């Protein structure tokens, strides 16, 4: 299971991604995909910058826009990028 405070986004096929989050001591770059049809979790490629409390939105074509958030080094991340799940 992913860390807390990750960003959750539902994809058009019904899968759910949880992006980033934090443990007790650090932000995470971890991405997990939950497939409700098979009731399974699958690890995805990490995001480029560890973050928690980011905004995530599903885009056409199965991609995800990830913006903002924070991590231990930056109290307010001001970047955005398009993430492509596995």
Protein backbone atom coordinates (compact mmCIF):
# COMPACT_ATOMS: atom_id res chain seq x y z
CA UNK A 1 0.00 0.00 0.00
CA UNK A 2 1.19 3.54 -0.73
CA UNK A 3 2.15 6.13 1.89
CA UNK A 4 -0.45 8.59 3.26
CA UNK A 5 -1.30 11.95 1.65
CA UNK A 6 -0.81 10.62 -1.87
CA UNK A 7 -2.80 12.01 -4.78
CA UNK A 8 -5.61 9.79 -5.98
CA UNK A 9 -6.91 9.79 -9.55
CA UNK A 10 -9.45 7.50 -11.23
CA UNK A 11 -8.56 6.53 -14.79
CA UNK A 12 -11.10 6.12 -17.61
CA UNK A 13 -10.79 2.31 -17.41
CA UNK A 14 -11.72 2.34 -13.70
CA UNK A 15 -8.19 1.78 -12.35
CA UNK A 16 -7.09 4.09 -9.54
CA UNK A 17 -3.61 5.60 -9.21
CA UNK A 18 -2.13 6.83 -5.96
CA UNK A 19 0.79 9.14 -6.67
CA UNK A 20 3.41 10.09 -4.10
CA UNK A 21 2.57 10.59 -0.45
CA UNK A 22 4.69 10.59 2.66
CA UNK A 23 5.96 8.26 5.33
CA UNK A 24 6.62 9.46 8.87
CA UNK A 25 9.92 11.03 7.80
CA UNK A 26 9.98 11.64 4.05
CA UNK A 27 7.95 12.36 0.90
CA UNK A 28 7.55 9.56 -1.62
CA UNK A 29 7.94 9.21 -5.39
CA UNK A 30 6.03 5.93 -5.27
CA UNK A 31 3.07 5.28 -7.58
CA UNK A 32 0.63 2.40 -7.09
CA UNK A 33 -2.22 1.29 -9.33
CA UNK A 34 -5.32 -0.43 -7.96
CA UNK A 35 -7.41 -2.45 -10.41
CA UNK A 36 -10.87 -2.99 -8.90
CA UNK A 37 -11.81 -5.68 -11.44
CA UNK A 38 -9.05 -8.00 -10.20
CA UNK A 39 -8.76 -6.45 -6.71
CA UNK A 40 -4.98 -6.08 -7.18
CA UNK A 41 -2.31 -3.44 -6.49
CA UNK A 42 0.59 -2.99 -8.90
CA UNK A 43 3.65 -0.79 -8.47
CA UNK A 44 4.23 1.73 -11.26
CA UNK A 45 7.26 3.76 -12.31
CA UNK A 46 8.00 6.46 -9.70
CA UNK A 47 7.32 10.15 -10.31
CA UNK A 48 10.44 12.26 -10.98
CA UNK A 49 10.19 14.32 -7.79
CA UNK A 50 8.98 12.93 -4.43
CA UNK A 51 5.85 14.79 -3.31
CA UNK A 52 2.75 14.67 -1.20
CA UNK A 53 -0.49 16.70 -1.30
CA UNK A 54 -0.19 17.24 -5.08
CA UNK A 55 -3.10 17.67 -7.51
CA UNK A 56 -3.63 14.89 -10.06
CA UNK A 57 -6.05 14.79 -13.00
CA UNK A 58 -6.66 12.08 -15.59
CA UNK A 59 -5.96 13.17 -19.17
CA UNK A 60 -7.07 11.62 -22.47
CA UNK A 61 -4.94 8.70 -23.60
CA UNK A 62 -4.34 7.29 -20.11
CA UNK A 63 -1.91 9.96 -18.91
CA UNK A 64 -2.10 11.98 -15.68
CA UNK A 65 -1.34 15.64 -15.00
CA UNK A 66 0.47 16.02 -11.65
CA UNK A 67 0.95 19.51 -10.24
CA UNK A 68 2.23 21.15 -7.08
CA UNK A 69 2.37 19.53 -3.69
CA UNK A 70 5.26 19.63 -1.27
CA UNK A 71 8.19 17.59 0.00
CA UNK A 72 10.86 17.85 2.70
CA UNK A 73 13.06 20.16 0.60
CA UNK A 74 10.27 22.39 -0.74
CA UNK A 75 7.21 23.51 1.24
CA UNK A 76 5.48 24.45 -2.05
CA UNK A 77 6.41 22.71 -5.30
CA UNK A 78 5.58 24.89 -8.31
CA UNK A 79 6.02 22.38 -11.11
CA UNK A 80 3.66 20.28 -13.20
CA UNK A 81 4.26 17.34 -15.51
CA UNK A 82 2.45 14.61 -17.40
CA UNK A 83 2.88 11.13 -15.91
CA UNK A 84 2.39 8.00 -18.02
CA UNK A 85 1.44 4.89 -15.97
CA UNK A 86 2.82 1.46 -16.95
